[in-house]
Amino acid sequence: MSIENLKINDPFADDVGDTPAKNYVHIRIQQRNGRKTLTTVQGLSKDYSPKALLKAFKKEYACNGTIIQDPDMGEVIQLQGDHRTKVMEFLTDKSKDKMGKYALAKDMIKIHGF
């Protein structure tokens, strides 16, 4: 007999399906202590400047954040608080981009979390 509700769900584990690998942007939430959370953004292409995005996110959402260098995942943007849907809207909004060529399609973004 196994207990099903005690399985640990890894937020960094990617779903492996029959679809070919794409360059997705992953937006995740991590639980800190208590009700505190972190939002992480990874997988952005080289066209985007992580520093400029972090500055825009911090100004837009009135939160603090940092850029983490990870050997496997590259540069990861961390924001304090749960900003998953707001970050997705920011990255897909063509009006925020002057030329409209850097806005992402919604099917290129995966949101992970509870």
Protein backbone atom coordinates (compact mmCIF):
# COMPACT_ATOMS: atom_id res chain seq x y z
CA MET A 1 0.00 0.00 0.00
CA SER A 2 1.43 3.37 -0.97
CA ILE A 3 0.43 6.77 0.26
CA GLU A 4 -0.24 8.99 -2.74
CA ASN A 5 -0.53 12.38 -1.07
CA LEU A 6 3.01 12.34 0.33
CA LYS A 7 4.78 12.40 -3.02
CA ILE A 8 7.02 15.40 -3.40
CA ASN A 9 6.41 17.53 -6.48
CA ASP A 10 9.65 18.99 -7.84
CA PRO A 11 8.96 22.43 -9.39
CA PHE A 12 12.17 22.23 -11.42
CA ALA A 13 11.34 18.89 -13.03
CA ASP A 14 10.24 19.41 -16.63
CA ASP A 15 7.41 17.42 -18.15
CA VAL A 16 8.84 14.94 -20.60
CA GLY A 17 6.35 14.34 -23.38
CA ASP A 18 6.24 13.31 -27.01
CA THR A 19 6.78 16.87 -28.24
CA PRO A 20 10.19 17.92 -29.51
CA ALA A 21 12.32 20.07 -27.23
CA LYS A 22 11.69 23.79 -27.61
CA ASN A 23 13.40 26.74 -26.03
CA TYR A 24 10.77 27.53 -23.43
CA VAL A 25 10.91 30.33 -20.91
CA HIS A 26 10.19 28.80 -17.51
CA ILE A 27 8.53 30.90 -14.82
CA ARG A 28 8.51 29.16 -11.44
CA ILE A 29 7.57 29.88 -7.88
CA GLN A 30 9.58 28.69 -4.90
CA GLN A 31 8.38 28.63 -1.32
CA ARG A 32 10.65 30.31 1.21
CA ASN A 33 9.80 30.46 4.90
CA GLY A 34 6.18 30.93 5.89
CA ARG A 35 4.17 32.71 3.21
CA LYS A 36 7.23 34.19 1.49
CA THR A 37 7.87 33.15 -2.12
CA LEU A 38 10.35 33.70 -4.95
CA THR A 39 9.51 33.92 -8.64
CA THR A 40 12.24 32.66 -10.97
CA VAL A 41 12.51 33.30 -14.73
CA GLN A 42 14.89 31.19 -16.79
CA GLY A 43 15.45 30.22 -20.40
CA LEU A 44 15.37 33.68 -21.96
CA SER A 45 17.21 33.95 -25.27
CA LYS A 46 20.35 36.02 -25.73
CA ASP A 47 18.25 38.80 -27.33
CA TYR A 48 17.05 39.82 -23.87
CA SER A 49 19.22 41.65 -21.38
CA PRO A 50 18.63 40.11 -17.93
CA LYS A 51 19.79 43.31 -16.22
CA ALA A 52 17.32 45.47 -18.15
CA LEU A 53 14.48 43.00 -17.56
CA LEU A 54 15.26 42.82 -13.84
CA LYS A 55 15.25 46.62 -13.61
CA ALA A 56 11.89 46.80 -15.41
CA PHE A 57 10.37 44.03 -13.24
CA LYS A 58 11.54 45.69 -10.03
CA LYS A 59 10.09 49.04 -11.08
CA GLU A 60 6.82 47.60 -12.42
CA TYR A 61 6.05 45.25 -9.50
CA ALA A 62 7.65 47.20 -6.61
CA CYS A 63 9.70 44.22 -5.48
CA ASN A 64 13.32 43.33 -5.03
CA GLY A 65 15.22 40.88 -7.21
CA THR A 66 18.56 39.57 -8.37
CA ILE A 67 20.25 37.63 -11.17
CA ILE A 68 21.70 34.24 -10.26
CA GLN A 69 24.41 32.55 -12.36
CA ASP A 70 23.70 28.81 -12.56
CA PRO A 71 26.06 26.46 -14.43
CA ASP A 72 23.19 24.35 -15.82
CA MET A 73 20.42 26.92 -16.34
CA GLY A 74 22.47 30.01 -17.19
CA GLU A 75 21.23 33.34 -15.88
CA VAL A 76 18.13 33.08 -13.70
CA ILE A 77 16.14 36.14 -12.65
CA GLN A 78 14.77 35.92 -9.09
CA LEU A 79 12.00 38.22 -7.85
CA GLN A 80 10.58 38.44 -4.35
CA GLY A 81 6.90 37.49 -4.25
CA ASP A 82 4.51 35.66 -6.57
CA HIS A 83 4.64 37.46 -9.94
CA ARG A 84 4.17 34.51 -12.33
CA THR A 85 1.16 35.81 -14.27
CA LYS A 86 2.42 39.40 -14.30
CA VAL A 87 5.81 38.35 -15.69
CA MET A 88 4.09 36.28 -18.40
CA GLU A 89 1.91 39.25 -19.39
CA PHE A 90 4.97 41.52 -19.40
CA LEU A 91 6.95 39.19 -21.69
CA THR A 92 4.05 38.70 -24.13
CA ASP A 93 2.90 42.34 -24.29
CA LYS A 94 3.86 43.86 -27.65
CA SER A 95 3.11 47.40 -26.48
CA LYS A 96 6.02 47.25 -23.99
CA ASP A 97 8.40 46.50 -26.86
CA LYS A 98 9.21 49.41 -29.15
CA MET A 99 9.59 47.36 -32.33
CA GLY A 100 7.35 44.44 -31.40
CA LYS A 101 9.95 41.84 -32.29
CA TYR A 102 11.00 40.85 -28.77
CA ALA A 103 7.55 39.97 -27.42
CA LEU A 104 7.20 36.23 -26.84
CA ALA A 105 4.34 33.98 -27.88
CA LYS A 106 2.29 32.58 -24.99
CA ASP A 107 2.97 29.00 -26.09
CA MET A 108 6.72 29.58 -25.54
CA ILE A 109 6.22 30.27 -21.83
CA LYS A 110 5.64 27.58 -19.20
CA ILE A 111 4.41 28.53 -15.75
CA HIS A 112 5.23 26.08 -12.96
CA GLY A 113 4.10 26.06 -9.35
CA PHE A 114 1.29 25.21 -7.05
